[in-house]
Amino acid sequence: MANLTLTLDDEVLKRARRRALDRGTSVNAVVRDYLESFAGDDGALSARREFVAAAQRSSGSSGPGGRTWTRDELYDT
Protein backbone atom coordinates (compact mmCIF):
# COMPACT_ATOMS: atom_id res chain seq x y z
CA MET A 1 0.00 0.00 0.00
CA ALA A 2 1.32 3.45 -0.90
CA ASN A 3 1.39 6.59 1.22
CA LEU A 4 0.10 9.96 0.01
CA THR A 5 0.92 13.38 1.43
CA LEU A 6 -1.69 16.12 1.13
CA THR A 7 -1.41 19.80 1.88
CA LEU A 8 -4.56 21.50 3.12
CA ASP A 9 -5.73 24.33 5.26
CA ASP A 10 -5.54 23.63 9.02
CA GLU A 11 -9.17 24.62 9.52
CA VAL A 12 -10.34 22.28 6.75
CA LEU A 13 -8.50 19.40 8.38
CA LYS A 14 -10.01 20.23 11.80
CA ARG A 15 -13.53 20.22 10.35
CA ALA A 16 -12.84 17.00 8.46
CA ARG A 17 -11.55 15.31 11.62
CA ARG A 18 -14.66 16.37 13.57
CA ARG A 19 -16.97 15.16 10.82
CA ALA A 20 -15.13 11.85 10.49
CA LEU A 21 -15.27 11.37 14.27
CA ASP A 22 -19.03 11.99 14.21
CA ARG A 23 -19.32 9.22 11.61
CA GLY A 24 -17.12 6.82 13.55
CA THR A 25 -14.32 6.81 11.00
CA SER A 26 -11.08 8.64 10.22
CA VAL A 27 -10.06 11.25 7.68
CA ASN A 28 -7.69 8.67 6.23
CA ALA A 29 -10.56 6.19 5.67
CA VAL A 30 -12.76 8.91 4.14
CA VAL A 31 -10.03 9.97 1.70
CA ARG A 32 -9.19 6.33 0.86
CA ASP A 33 -12.85 5.50 0.19
CA TYR A 34 -13.27 8.59 -1.94
CA LEU A 35 -10.17 7.87 -4.01
CA GLU A 36 -11.22 4.24 -4.50
CA SER A 37 -14.58 5.45 -5.74
CA PHE A 38 -13.01 8.17 -7.88
CA ALA A 39 -10.54 5.73 -9.44
CA GLY A 40 -13.29 3.20 -10.06
CA ASP A 41 -12.85 0.09 -7.97
CA ASP A 42 -13.55 -3.29 -9.52
CA GLY A 43 -17.04 -4.73 -9.64
CA ALA A 44 -16.28 -7.55 -7.20
CA LEU A 45 -15.15 -5.13 -4.52
CA SER A 46 -18.24 -3.00 -4.99
CA ALA A 47 -20.46 -6.07 -4.82
CA ARG A 48 -18.81 -7.20 -1.57
CA ARG A 49 -19.26 -3.76 -0.01
CA GLU A 50 -22.92 -3.65 -1.03
CA PHE A 51 -23.46 -7.15 0.39
CA VAL A 52 -21.84 -6.24 3.72
CA ALA A 53 -23.86 -3.02 3.94
CA ALA A 54 -27.09 -4.93 3.25
CA ALA A 55 -26.20 -7.56 5.85
CA GLN A 56 -25.52 -4.87 8.44
CA ARG A 57 -28.92 -3.29 7.76
CA SER A 58 -30.70 -6.64 8.00
CA SER A 59 -32.62 -7.48 11.14
CA GLY A 60 -32.96 -11.17 10.29
CA SER A 61 -31.82 -13.71 12.85
CA SER A 62 -32.76 -17.06 14.29
CA GLY A 63 -33.99 -15.36 17.45
CA PRO A 64 -32.65 -15.24 20.99
CA GLY A 65 -32.91 -19.02 21.48
CA GLY A 66 -31.51 -19.88 18.08
CA ARG A 67 -33.16 -22.26 15.68
CA THR A 68 -35.01 -25.23 17.12
CA TRP A 69 -35.30 -27.40 14.01
CA THR A 70 -32.81 -29.59 12.24
CA ARG A 71 -32.18 -29.96 8.54
CA ASP A 72 -33.60 -33.50 8.64
CA GLU A 73 -36.83 -32.23 10.20
CA LEU A 74 -37.27 -29.76 7.37
CA TYR A 75 -36.98 -32.50 4.77
CA ASP A 76 -38.93 -35.15 6.68
CA THR A 77 -41.59 -36.63 4.38
PDB file of N, CA and C in Angstrom:
ATOM      1  N   MET A   1       0.851  -1.169   0.000  1.00  0.00           N
ATOM      2  CA  MET A   1       0.000   0.000   0.000  1.00  0.00           C
ATOM      3  C   MET A   1       0.897   1.233   0.000  1.00  0.00           C
ATOM      4  N   ALA A   2       0.521   2.233  -0.775  1.00  0.00           N
ATOM      5  CA  ALA A   2       1.317   3.455  -0.900  1.00  0.00           C
ATOM      6  C   ALA A   2       0.841   4.519   0.077  1.00  0.00           C
ATOM      7  N   ASN A   3       1.726   5.435   0.388  1.00  0.00           N
ATOM      8  CA  ASN A   3       1.392   6.593   1.223  1.00  0.00           C
ATOM      9  C   ASN A   3       1.212   7.806   0.326  1.00  0.00           C
ATOM     10  N   LEU A   4       0.368   8.740   0.755  1.00  0.00           N
ATOM     11  CA  LEU A   4       0.098   9.964   0.010  1.00  0.00           C
ATOM     12  C   LEU A   4       0.163  11.130   0.980  1.00  0.00           C
ATOM     13  N   THR A   5       0.840  12.185   0.601  1.00  0.00           N
ATOM     14  CA  THR A   5       0.917  13.378   1.430  1.00  0.00           C
ATOM     15  C   THR A   5       0.062  14.459   0.795  1.00  0.00           C
ATOM     16  N   LEU A   6      -0.817  15.045   1.596  1.00  0.00           N
ATOM     17  CA  LEU A   6      -1.688  16.119   1.130  1.00  0.00           C
ATOM     18  C   LEU A   6      -1.371  17.393   1.891  1.00  0.00           C
ATOM     19  N   THR A   7      -1.555  18.507   1.233  1.00  0.00           N
ATOM     20  CA  THR A   7      -1.409  19.803   1.882  1.00  0.00           C
ATOM     21  C   THR A   7      -2.767  20.476   1.853  1.00  0.00           C
ATOM     22  N   LEU A   8      -3.282  20.802   3.051  1.00  0.00           N
ATOM     23  CA  LEU A   8      -4.556  21.496   3.125  1.00  0.00           C
ATOM     24  C   LEU A   8      -4.577  22.455   4.283  1.00  0.00           C
ATOM     25  N   ASP A   9      -5.552  23.318   4.237  1.00  0.00           N
ATOM     26  CA  ASP A   9      -5.731  24.330   5.263  1.00  0.00           C
ATOM     27  C   ASP A   9      -5.985  23.657   6.621  1.00  0.00           C
ATOM     28  N   ASP A  10      -5.378  24.198   7.675  1.00  0.00           N
ATOM     29  CA  ASP A  10      -5.542  23.625   9.018  1.00  0.00           C
ATOM     30  C   ASP A  10      -7.010  23.536   9.433  1.00  0.00           C
ATOM     31  N   GLU A  11      -7.765  24.586   9.127  1.00  0.00           N
ATOM     32  CA  GLU A  11      -9.175  24.617   9.519  1.00  0.00           C
ATOM     33  C   GLU A  11      -9.989  23.548   8.773  1.00  0.00           C
ATOM     34  N   VAL A  12      -9.662  23.335   7.524  1.00  0.00           N
ATOM     35  CA  VAL A  12     -10.345  22.284   6.748  1.00  0.00           C
ATOM     36  C   VAL A  12     -10.080  20.923   7.377  1.00  0.00           C
ATOM     37  N   LEU A  13      -8.846  20.679   7.762  1.00  0.00           N
ATOM     38  CA  LEU A  13      -8.502  19.403   8.381  1.00  0.00           C
ATOM     39  C   LEU A  13      -9.213  19.239   9.726  1.00  0.00           C
ATOM     40  N   LYS A  14      -9.297  20.298  10.510  1.00  0.00           N
ATOM     41  CA  LYS A  14     -10.011  20.226  11.796  1.00  0.00           C
ATOM     42  C   LYS A  14     -11.472  19.844  11.584  1.00  0.00           C
ATOM     43  N   ARG A  15     -12.112  20.526  10.621  1.00  0.00           N
ATOM     44  CA  ARG A  15     -13.527  20.220  10.348  1.00  0.00           C
ATOM     45  C   ARG A  15     -13.696  18.798   9.830  1.00  0.00           C
ATOM     46  N   ALA A  16     -12.771  18.360   8.995  1.00  0.00           N
ATOM     47  CA  ALA A  16     -12.837  16.997   8.458  1.00  0.00           C
ATOM     48  C   ALA A  16     -12.664  15.969   9.571  1.00  0.00           C
ATOM     49  N   ARG A  17     -11.753  16.233  10.490  1.00  0.00           N
ATOM     50  CA  ARG A  17     -11.554  15.310  11.618  1.00  0.00           C
ATOM     51  C   ARG A  17     -12.800  15.221  12.491  1.00  0.00           C
ATOM     52  N   ARG A  18     -13.423  16.374  12.762  1.00  0.00           N
ATOM     53  CA  ARG A  18     -14.656  16.367  13.567  1.00  0.00           C
ATOM     54  C   ARG A  18     -15.759  15.588  12.863  1.00  0.00           C
ATOM     55  N   ARG A  19     -15.914  15.835  11.584  1.00  0.00           N
ATOM     56  CA  ARG A  19     -16.967  15.160  10.824  1.00  0.00           C
ATOM     57  C   ARG A  19     -16.715  13.656  10.741  1.00  0.00           C
ATOM     58  N   ALA A  20     -15.464  13.267  10.532  1.00  0.00           N
ATOM     59  CA  ALA A  20     -15.128  11.847  10.487  1.00  0.00           C
ATOM     60  C   ALA A  20     -15.387  11.195  11.848  1.00  0.00           C
ATOM     61  N   LEU A  21     -15.033  11.885  12.923  1.00  0.00           N
ATOM     62  CA  LEU A  21     -15.269  11.370  14.269  1.00  0.00           C
ATOM     63  C   LEU A  21     -16.761  11.164  14.516  1.00  0.00           C
ATOM     64  N   ASP A  22     -17.572  12.117  14.072  1.00  0.00           N
ATOM     65  CA  ASP A  22     -19.026  11.992  14.210  1.00  0.00           C
ATOM     66  C   ASP A  22     -19.555  10.761  13.480  1.00  0.00           C
ATOM     67  N   ARG A  23     -18.892  10.383  12.409  1.00  0.00           N
ATOM     68  CA  ARG A  23     -19.318   9.223  11.606  1.00  0.00           C
ATOM     69  C   ARG A  23     -18.632   7.929  12.036  1.00  0.00           C
ATOM     70  N   GLY A  24     -17.798   8.018  13.052  1.00  0.00           N
ATOM     71  CA  GLY A  24     -17.121   6.824  13.550  1.00  0.00           C
ATOM     72  C   GLY A  24     -16.038   6.312  12.631  1.00  0.00           C
ATOM     73  N   THR A  25     -15.372   7.215  11.934  1.00  0.00           N
ATOM     74  CA  THR A  25     -14.318   6.815  11.003  1.00  0.00           C
ATOM     75  C   THR A  25     -13.147   7.787  11.135  1.00  0.00           C
ATOM     76  N   SER A  26     -12.240   7.740  10.210  1.00  0.00           N
ATOM     77  CA  SER A  26     -11.083   8.640  10.221  1.00  0.00           C
ATOM     78  C   SER A  26     -11.009   9.398   8.907  1.00  0.00           C
ATOM     79  N   VAL A  27     -10.273  10.490   8.907  1.00  0.00           N
ATOM     80  CA  VAL A  27     -10.060  11.248   7.680  1.00  0.00           C
ATOM     81  C   VAL A  27      -9.352  10.363   6.666  1.00  0.00           C
ATOM     82  N   ASN A  28      -8.411   9.574   7.114  1.00  0.00           N
ATOM     83  CA  ASN A  28      -7.694   8.665   6.227  1.00  0.00           C
ATOM     84  C   ASN A  28      -8.664   7.721   5.518  1.00  0.00           C
ATOM     85  N   ALA A  29      -9.596   7.133   6.266  1.00  0.00           N
ATOM     86  CA  ALA A  29     -10.560   6.193   5.672  1.00  0.00           C
ATOM     87  C   ALA A  29     -11.487   6.922   4.694  1.00  0.00           C
ATOM     88  N   VAL A  30     -11.890   8.139   5.034  1.00  0.00           N
ATOM     89  CA  VAL A  30     -12.763   8.908   4.144  1.00  0.00           C
ATOM     90  C   VAL A  30     -12.047   9.195   2.822  1.00  0.00           C
ATOM     91  N   VAL A  31     -10.806   9.652   2.905  1.00  0.00           N
ATOM     92  CA  VAL A  31     -10.032   9.971   1.695  1.00  0.00           C
ATOM     93  C   VAL A  31      -9.786   8.699   0.887  1.00  0.00           C
ATOM     94  N   ARG A  32      -9.431   7.605   1.553  1.00  0.00           N
ATOM     95  CA  ARG A  32      -9.187   6.333   0.860  1.00  0.00           C
ATOM     96  C   ARG A  32     -10.445   5.874   0.129  1.00  0.00           C
ATOM     97  N   ASP A  33     -11.595   5.915   0.819  1.00  0.00           N
ATOM     98  CA  ASP A  33     -12.849   5.496   0.186  1.00  0.00           C
ATOM     99  C   ASP A  33     -13.194   6.381  -1.009  1.00  0.00           C
ATOM    100  N   TYR A  34     -12.981   7.682  -0.832  1.00  0.00           N
ATOM    101  CA  TYR A  34     -13.271   8.594  -1.938  1.00  0.00           C
ATOM    102  C   TYR A  34     -12.377   8.292  -3.139  1.00  0.00           C
ATOM    103  N   LEU A  35     -11.091   8.120  -2.901  1.00  0.00           N
ATOM    104  CA  LEU A  35     -10.170   7.867  -4.007  1.00  0.00           C
ATOM    105  C   LEU A  35     -10.454   6.533  -4.689  1.00  0.00           C
ATOM    106  N   GLU A  36     -10.841   5.516  -3.902  1.00  0.00           N
ATOM    107  CA  GLU A  36     -11.216   4.238  -4.504  1.00  0.00           C
ATOM    108  C   GLU A  36     -12.425   4.423  -5.412  1.00  0.00           C
ATOM    109  N   SER A  37     -13.392   5.189  -4.942  1.00  0.00           N
ATOM    110  CA  SER A  37     -14.584   5.454  -5.737  1.00  0.00           C
ATOM    111  C   SER A  37     -14.231   6.277  -6.975  1.00  0.00           C
ATOM    112  N   PHE A  38     -13.423   7.290  -6.790  1.00  0.00           N
ATOM    113  CA  PHE A  38     -13.012   8.172  -7.883  1.00  0.00           C
ATOM    114  C   PHE A  38     -12.241   7.395  -8.951  1.00  0.00           C
ATOM    115  N   ALA A  39     -11.359   6.506  -8.504  1.00  0.00           N
ATOM    116  CA  ALA A  39     -10.542   5.729  -9.437  1.00  0.00           C
ATOM    117  C   ALA A  39     -11.342   4.614 -10.096  1.00  0.00           C
ATOM    118  N   GLY A  40     -12.471   4.266  -9.499  1.00  0.00           N
ATOM    119  CA  GLY A  40     -13.294   3.199 -10.061  1.00  0.00           C
ATOM    120  C   GLY A  40     -12.799   1.842  -9.617  1.00  0.00           C
ATOM    121  N   ASP A  41     -13.256   1.399  -8.449  1.00  0.00           N
ATOM    122  CA  ASP A  41     -12.849   0.089  -7.965  1.00  0.00           C
ATOM    123  C   ASP A  41     -13.544  -0.992  -8.781  1.00  0.00           C
ATOM    124  N   ASP A  42     -13.015  -2.197  -8.708  1.00  0.00           N
ATOM    125  CA  ASP A  42     -13.548  -3.290  -9.517  1.00  0.00           C
ATOM    126  C   ASP A  42     -14.946  -3.697  -9.057  1.00  0.00           C
ATOM    127  N   GLY A  43     -15.669  -4.342  -9.917  1.00  0.00           N
ATOM    128  CA  GLY A  43     -17.042  -4.735  -9.641  1.00  0.00           C
ATOM    129  C   GLY A  43     -17.169  -5.682  -8.467  1.00  0.00           C
ATOM    130  N   ALA A  44     -16.213  -6.590  -8.301  1.00  0.00           N
ATOM    131  CA  ALA A  44     -16.283  -7.553  -7.199  1.00  0.00           C
ATOM    132  C   ALA A  44     -16.173  -6.842  -5.858  1.00  0.00           C
ATOM    133  N   LEU A  45     -15.301  -5.876  -5.768  1.00  0.00           N
ATOM    134  CA  LEU A  45     -15.147  -5.132  -4.519  1.00  0.00           C
ATOM    135  C   LEU A  45     -16.426  -4.354  -4.204  1.00  0.00           C
ATOM    136  N   SER A  46     -16.990  -3.734  -5.198  1.00  0.00           N
ATOM    137  CA  SER A  46     -18.242  -3.004  -4.994  1.00  0.00           C
ATOM    138  C   SER A  46     -19.358  -3.937  -4.551  1.00  0.00           C
ATOM    139  N   ALA A  47     -19.427  -5.098  -5.175  1.00  0.00           N
ATOM    140  CA  ALA A  47     -20.463  -6.068  -4.816  1.00  0.00           C
ATOM    141  C   ALA A  47     -20.292  -6.533  -3.375  1.00  0.00           C
ATOM    142  N   ARG A  48     -19.062  -6.784  -2.953  1.00  0.00           N
ATOM    143  CA  ARG A  48     -18.813  -7.201  -1.566  1.00  0.00           C
ATOM    144  C   ARG A  48     -19.219  -6.107  -0.593  1.00  0.00           C
ATOM    145  N   ARG A  49     -18.890  -4.870  -0.897  1.00  0.00           N
ATOM    146  CA  ARG A  49     -19.258  -3.763  -0.014  1.00  0.00           C
ATOM    147  C   ARG A  49     -20.777  -3.614   0.084  1.00  0.00           C
ATOM    148  N   GLU A  50     -21.458  -3.755  -1.046  1.00  0.00           N
ATOM    149  CA  GLU A  50     -22.915  -3.653  -1.031  1.00  0.00           C
ATOM    150  C   GLU A  50     -23.522  -4.795  -0.221  1.00  0.00           C
ATOM    151  N   PHE A  51     -22.958  -6.000  -0.359  1.00  0.00           N
ATOM    152  CA  PHE A  51     -23.457  -7.147   0.389  1.00  0.00           C
ATOM    153  C   PHE A  51     -23.274  -6.934   1.890  1.00  0.00           C
ATOM    154  N   VAL A  52     -22.109  -6.473   2.300  1.00  0.00           N
ATOM    155  CA  VAL A  52     -21.837  -6.239   3.718  1.00  0.00           C
ATOM    156  C   VAL A  52     -22.765  -5.150   4.258  1.00  0.00           C
ATOM    157  N   ALA A  53     -22.963  -4.092   3.495  1.00  0.00           N
ATOM    158  CA  ALA A  53     -23.861  -3.020   3.936  1.00  0.00           C
ATOM    159  C   ALA A  53     -25.291  -3.536   4.091  1.00  0.00           C
ATOM    160  N   ALA A  54     -25.739  -4.361   3.158  1.00  0.00           N
ATOM    161  CA  ALA A  54     -27.086  -4.926   3.249  1.00  0.00           C
ATOM    162  C   ALA A  54     -27.201  -5.854   4.452  1.00  0.00           C
ATOM    163  N   ALA A  55     -26.185  -6.646   4.703  1.00  0.00           N
ATOM    164  CA  ALA A  55     -26.200  -7.558   5.849  1.00  0.00           C
ATOM    165  C   ALA A  55     -26.238  -6.782   7.156  1.00  0.00           C
ATOM    166  N   GLN A  56     -25.528  -5.672   7.223  1.00  0.00           N
ATOM    167  CA  GLN A  56     -25.522  -4.869   8.443  1.00  0.00           C
ATOM    168  C   GLN A  56     -26.872  -4.198   8.681  1.00  0.00           C
ATOM    169  N   ARG A  57     -27.595  -3.897   7.613  1.00  0.00           N
ATOM    170  CA  ARG A  57     -28.921  -3.285   7.755  1.00  0.00           C
ATOM    171  C   ARG A  57     -29.996  -4.323   8.082  1.00  0.00           C
ATOM    172  N   SER A  58     -29.705  -5.579   7.824  1.00  0.00           N
ATOM    173  CA  SER A  58     -30.697  -6.641   7.999  1.00  0.00           C
ATOM    174  C   SER A  58     -30.988  -6.884   9.475  1.00  0.00           C
ATOM    175  N   SER A  59     -32.252  -7.165   9.764  1.00  0.00           N
ATOM    176  CA  SER A  59     -32.617  -7.482  11.144  1.00  0.00           C
ATOM    177  C   SER A  59     -32.932  -8.968  11.289  1.00  0.00           C
ATOM    178  N   GLY A  60     -32.664  -9.738  10.256  1.00  0.00           N
ATOM    179  CA  GLY A  60     -32.955 -11.166  10.287  1.00  0.00           C
ATOM    180  C   GLY A  60     -32.035 -11.915  11.236  1.00  0.00           C
ATOM    181  N   SER A  61     -32.613 -12.852  11.971  1.00  0.00           N
ATOM    182  CA  SER A  61     -31.821 -13.706  12.855  1.00  0.00           C
ATOM    183  C   SER A  61     -32.631 -14.941  13.177  1.00  0.00           C
ATOM    184  N   SER A  62     -32.038 -15.869  13.866  1.00  0.00           N
ATOM    185  CA  SER A  62     -32.759 -17.060  14.288  1.00  0.00           C
ATOM    186  C   SER A  62     -33.373 -16.873  15.671  1.00  0.00           C
ATOM    187  N   GLY A  63     -33.354 -15.662  16.170  1.00  0.00           N
ATOM    188  CA  GLY A  63     -33.987 -15.356  17.446  1.00  0.00           C
ATOM    189  C   GLY A  63     -33.062 -15.569  18.622  1.00  0.00           C
ATOM    190  N   PRO A  64     -33.514 -15.166  19.807  1.00  0.00           N
ATOM    191  CA  PRO A  64     -32.654 -15.243  20.991  1.00  0.00           C
ATOM    192  C   PRO A  64     -32.304 -16.673  21.384  1.00  0.00           C
ATOM    193  N   GLY A  65     -33.196 -17.624  21.121  1.00  0.00           N
ATOM    194  CA  GLY A  65     -32.913 -19.016  21.477  1.00  0.00           C
ATOM    195  C   GLY A  65     -32.262 -19.799  20.355  1.00  0.00           C
ATOM    196  N   GLY A  66     -32.063 -19.181  19.227  1.00  0.00           N
ATOM    197  CA  GLY A  66     -31.510 -19.884  18.080  1.00  0.00           C
ATOM    198  C   GLY A  66     -32.559 -20.751  17.417  1.00  0.00           C
ATOM    199  N   ARG A  67     -32.178 -21.421  16.370  1.00  0.00           N
ATOM    200  CA  ARG A  67     -33.158 -22.255  15.679  1.00  0.00           C
ATOM    201  C   ARG A  67     -33.422 -23.522  16.476  1.00  0.00           C
ATOM    202  N   THR A  68     -34.630 -24.046  16.351  1.00  0.00           N
ATOM    203  CA  THR A  68     -35.011 -25.233  17.122  1.00  0.00           C
ATOM    204  C   THR A  68     -35.269 -26.428  16.221  1.00  0.00           C
ATOM    205  N   TRP A  69     -35.055 -26.300  14.927  1.00  0.00           N
ATOM    206  CA  TRP A  69     -35.303 -27.395  14.006  1.00  0.00           C
ATOM    207  C   TRP A  69     -33.984 -27.873  13.417  1.00  0.00           C
ATOM    208  N   THR A  70     -34.008 -29.054  12.891  1.00  0.00           N
ATOM    209  CA  THR A  70     -32.810 -29.593  12.241  1.00  0.00           C
ATOM    210  C   THR A  70     -33.082 -29.675  10.734  1.00  0.00           C
ATOM    211  N   ARG A  71     -32.048 -29.836   9.994  1.00  0.00           N
ATOM    212  CA  ARG A  71     -32.183 -29.961   8.543  1.00  0.00           C
ATOM    213  C   ARG A  71     -33.041 -31.174   8.205  1.00  0.00           C
ATOM    214  N   ASP A  72     -32.816 -32.291   8.900  1.00  0.00           N
ATOM    215  CA  ASP A  72     -33.601 -33.504   8.642  1.00  0.00           C
ATOM    216  C   ASP A  72     -35.081 -33.279   8.885  1.00  0.00           C
ATOM    217  N   GLU A  73     -35.430 -32.503   9.914  1.00  0.00           N
ATOM    218  CA  GLU A  73     -36.834 -32.232  10.201  1.00  0.00           C
ATOM    219  C   GLU A  73     -37.482 -31.429   9.067  1.00  0.00           C
ATOM    220  N   LEU A  74     -36.732 -30.543   8.454  1.00  0.00           N
ATOM    221  CA  LEU A  74     -37.270 -29.761   7.366  1.00  0.00           C
ATOM    222  C   LEU A  74     -37.597 -30.621   6.156  1.00  0.00           C
ATOM    223  N   TYR A  75     -36.808 -31.666   5.937  1.00  0.00           N
ATOM    224  CA  TYR A  75     -36.979 -32.495   4.768  1.00  0.00           C
ATOM    225  C   TYR A  75     -37.645 -33.823   5.099  1.00  0.00           C
ATOM    226  N   ASP A  76     -38.216 -33.940   6.283  1.00  0.00           N
ATOM    227  CA  ASP A  76     -38.931 -35.155   6.678  1.00  0.00           C
ATOM    228  C   ASP A  76     -40.193 -35.288   5.845  1.00  0.00           C
ATOM    229  N   THR A  77     -40.400 -36.456   5.223  1.00  0.00           N
ATOM    230  CA  THR A  77     -41.587 -36.630   4.381  1.00  0.00           C
ATOM    231  C   THR A  77     -42.544 -37.641   4.929  1.00  0.00           C
TER     232      THR A  77
END
